[in-house]
């Protein structure tokens, strides 16, 4: 299944809408992920992908967040074990990948 198909599962009636899928991926902070994939949205995903390793845990989380963003429903973002620095603002780039914007709303 491709990245596009995987994210598109979040809202089946828009699963072929590339603009909505890209918007959801951007909302989830997936610009860097998309740029790293050899075939962009058409890259096939799995346990072992194009490089023999597959996506990291954090990259899979970004894909899951993008699928959730496709639903355009209120959501609560829960960070597991946030670094202590997150309580005092960004430090050493810890918070640089946290998505921002109106799409991330409290449930």
C-alpha atoms as a PDB file:
ATOM      1  CA  UNK A   1       0.000   0.000   0.000  1.00  0.00           C
ATOM      2  CA  UNK A   2       1.351   3.438  -0.874  1.00  0.00           C
ATOM      3  CA  UNK A   3       1.718   6.422   1.449  1.00  0.00           C
ATOM      4  CA  UNK A   4      -1.159   8.066  -0.436  1.00  0.00           C
ATOM      5  CA  UNK A   5      -3.412   5.021   0.095  1.00  0.00           C
ATOM      6  CA  UNK A   6      -2.463   4.723   3.753  1.00  0.00           C
ATOM      7  CA  UNK A   7      -3.302   8.354   4.536  1.00  0.00           C
ATOM      8  CA  UNK A   8      -6.387   8.260   2.321  1.00  0.00           C
ATOM      9  CA  UNK A   9      -7.907   5.580   4.551  1.00  0.00           C
ATOM     10  CA  UNK A  10      -8.603   8.362   7.036  1.00  0.00           C
ATOM     11  CA  UNK A  11     -11.459   9.606   4.859  1.00  0.00           C
ATOM     12  CA  UNK A  12     -12.487   7.090   2.242  1.00  0.00           C
ATOM     13  CA  UNK A  13     -14.556   9.492   0.120  1.00  0.00           C
ATOM     14  CA  UNK A  14     -11.403  11.613  -0.389  1.00  0.00           C
ATOM     15  CA  UNK A  15      -8.832   8.821  -0.673  1.00  0.00           C
ATOM     16  CA  UNK A  16      -7.928   9.864  -4.240  1.00  0.00           C
ATOM     17  CA  UNK A  17      -7.792  13.608  -3.500  1.00  0.00           C
ATOM     18  CA  UNK A  18      -4.056  14.279  -3.621  1.00  0.00           C
ATOM     19  CA  UNK A  19      -4.406  17.884  -2.418  1.00  0.00           C
ATOM     20  CA  UNK A  20      -6.317  16.824   0.720  1.00  0.00           C
ATOM     21  CA  UNK A  21      -3.775  14.096   1.384  1.00  0.00           C
ATOM     22  CA  UNK A  22      -0.866  16.532   1.026  1.00  0.00           C
ATOM     23  CA  UNK A  23      -2.632  19.023   3.308  1.00  0.00           C
ATOM     24  CA  UNK A  24      -3.150  16.309   5.939  1.00  0.00           C
ATOM     25  CA  UNK A  25       0.500  15.295   5.691  1.00  0.00           C
ATOM     26  CA  UNK A  26       1.624  18.922   6.075  1.00  0.00           C
ATOM     27  CA  UNK A  27      -0.680  19.323   9.081  1.00  0.00           C
ATOM     28  CA  UNK A  28       0.973  16.285  10.661  1.00  0.00           C
ATOM     29  CA  UNK A  29       4.446  17.715  10.080  1.00  0.00           C
ATOM     30  CA  UNK A  30       5.255  15.233   7.315  1.00  0.00           C
ATOM     31  CA  UNK A  31       7.048  17.516   4.841  1.00  0.00           C
ATOM     32  CA  UNK A  32      10.429  16.012   5.719  1.00  0.00           C
ATOM     33  CA  UNK A  33       9.037  12.474   5.521  1.00  0.00           C
ATOM     34  CA  UNK A  34       7.570  13.116   2.074  1.00  0.00           C
ATOM     35  CA  UNK A  35      10.833  14.618   0.826  1.00  0.00           C
ATOM     36  CA  UNK A  36      12.764  11.532   2.003  1.00  0.00           C
ATOM     37  CA  UNK A  37      10.633   9.035   0.063  1.00  0.00           C
ATOM     38  CA  UNK A  38      11.919   8.057  -3.393  1.00  0.00           C
ATOM     39  CA  UNK A  39       8.483   8.038  -5.049  1.00  0.00           C
ATOM     40  CA  UNK A  40       6.759  10.621  -2.851  1.00  0.00           C
ATOM     41  CA  UNK A  41       3.119   9.770  -2.151  1.00  0.00           C
ATOM     42  CA  UNK A  42       3.348   6.703  -4.388  1.00  0.00           C
ATOM     43  CA  UNK A  43       6.110   5.067  -2.289  1.00  0.00           C
ATOM     44  CA  UNK A  44       5.001   1.640  -1.124  1.00  0.00           C
ATOM     45  CA  UNK A  45       5.096   1.215   2.633  1.00  0.00           C
ATOM     46  CA  UNK A  46       5.553  -1.916   4.683  1.00  0.00           C
ATOM     47  CA  UNK A  47       7.795  -3.573   7.246  1.00  0.00           C
ATOM     48  CA  UNK A  48      10.647  -3.401   4.783  1.00  0.00           C
ATOM     49  CA  UNK A  49      10.277  -0.686   2.213  1.00  0.00           C
ATOM     50  CA  UNK A  50      12.414   0.807  -0.545  1.00  0.00           C
ATOM     51  CA  UNK A  51      15.616   0.872   1.551  1.00  0.00           C
ATOM     52  CA  UNK A  52      15.230  -2.562   3.153  1.00  0.00           C
ATOM     53  CA  UNK A  53      14.444  -1.020   6.544  1.00  0.00           C
ATOM     54  CA  UNK A  54      11.082   0.699   6.264  1.00  0.00           C
ATOM     55  CA  UNK A  55       9.860   3.685   8.228  1.00  0.00           C
ATOM     56  CA  UNK A  56      10.960   4.512  11.753  1.00  0.00           C
ATOM     57  CA  UNK A  57       8.465   4.528  14.607  1.00  0.00           C
ATOM     58  CA  UNK A  58       8.290   8.309  14.485  1.00  0.00           C
ATOM     59  CA  UNK A  59       7.642   8.267  10.751  1.00  0.00           C
ATOM     60  CA  UNK A  60       4.798   5.770  11.199  1.00  0.00           C
ATOM     61  CA  UNK A  61       3.381   8.088  13.878  1.00  0.00           C
ATOM     62  CA  UNK A  62       3.474  10.965  11.381  1.00  0.00           C
ATOM     63  CA  UNK A  63       1.573   8.816   8.872  1.00  0.00           C
ATOM     64  CA  UNK A  64      -1.014   7.962  11.558  1.00  0.00           C
ATOM     65  CA  UNK A  65      -1.364  11.652  12.469  1.00  0.00           C
ATOM     66  CA  UNK A  66      -1.868  12.513   8.790  1.00  0.00           C
ATOM     67  CA  UNK A  67      -4.569   9.855   8.496  1.00  0.00           C
ATOM     68  CA  UNK A  68      -6.272  11.383  11.534  1.00  0.00           C
ATOM     69  CA  UNK A  69      -5.969  14.869   9.999  1.00  0.00           C
ATOM     70  CA  UNK A  70      -7.807  13.543   6.926  1.00  0.00           C
ATOM     71  CA  UNK A  71     -10.853  12.997   9.138  1.00  0.00           C
ATOM     72  CA  UNK A  72     -10.926  16.710   9.976  1.00  0.00           C
ATOM     73  CA  UNK A  73     -12.400  15.826  13.343  1.00  0.00           C
ATOM     74  CA  UNK A  74     -11.493  17.335  16.688  1.00  0.00           C
ATOM     75  CA  UNK A  75      -8.612  15.458  18.236  1.00  0.00           C
ATOM     76  CA  UNK A  76      -6.510  15.445  21.319  1.00  0.00           C
ATOM     77  CA  UNK A  77      -2.805  15.010  20.662  1.00  0.00           C
ATOM     78  CA  UNK A  78      -1.118  12.970  23.364  1.00  0.00           C
ATOM     79  CA  UNK A  79       2.656  12.928  23.558  1.00  0.00           C
ATOM     80  CA  UNK A  80       4.122   9.846  25.167  1.00  0.00           C
ATOM     81  CA  UNK A  81       7.001  10.573  27.518  1.00  0.00           C
ATOM     82  CA  UNK A  82       7.681  14.150  26.381  1.00  0.00           C
ATOM     83  CA  UNK A  83      11.229  15.326  27.002  1.00  0.00           C
ATOM     84  CA  UNK A  84      11.547  17.411  30.187  1.00  0.00           C
ATOM     85  CA  UNK A  85      12.675  20.373  28.082  1.00  0.00           C
ATOM     86  CA  UNK A  86       9.214  20.519  26.499  1.00  0.00           C
ATOM     87  CA  UNK A  87       7.882  22.054  29.696  1.00  0.00           C
ATOM     88  CA  UNK A  88      10.323  24.922  29.409  1.00  0.00           C
ATOM     89  CA  UNK A  89      10.161  25.590  25.677  1.00  0.00           C
ATOM     90  CA  UNK A  90      12.126  24.184  22.744  1.00  0.00           C
ATOM     91  CA  UNK A  91      15.658  23.051  23.459  1.00  0.00           C
ATOM     92  CA  UNK A  92      18.000  21.162  21.172  1.00  0.00           C
ATOM     93  CA  UNK A  93      15.284  20.954  18.507  1.00  0.00           C
ATOM     94  CA  UNK A  94      13.020  18.693  20.583  1.00  0.00           C
ATOM     95  CA  UNK A  95       9.896  20.637  19.676  1.00  0.00           C
ATOM     96  CA  UNK A  96      10.759  21.506  16.087  1.00  0.00           C
ATOM     97  CA  UNK A  97       8.741  18.640  14.604  1.00  0.00           C
ATOM     98  CA  UNK A  98       5.567  19.325  16.566  1.00  0.00           C
ATOM     99  CA  UNK A  99       2.881  20.350  14.110  1.00  0.00           C
ATOM    100  CA  UNK A 100       1.213  23.691  14.599  1.00  0.00           C
ATOM    101  CA  UNK A 101      -1.884  25.275  13.198  1.00  0.00           C
ATOM    102  CA  UNK A 102      -5.635  25.334  13.475  1.00  0.00           C
ATOM    103  CA  UNK A 103      -5.962  21.690  12.450  1.00  0.00           C
ATOM    104  CA  UNK A 104      -4.720  20.527  15.851  1.00  0.00           C
ATOM    105  CA  UNK A 105      -7.624  21.171  18.202  1.00  0.00           C
ATOM    106  CA  UNK A 106      -8.525  19.876  21.621  1.00  0.00           C
ATOM    107  CA  UNK A 107     -11.241  17.242  21.656  1.00  0.00           C
END
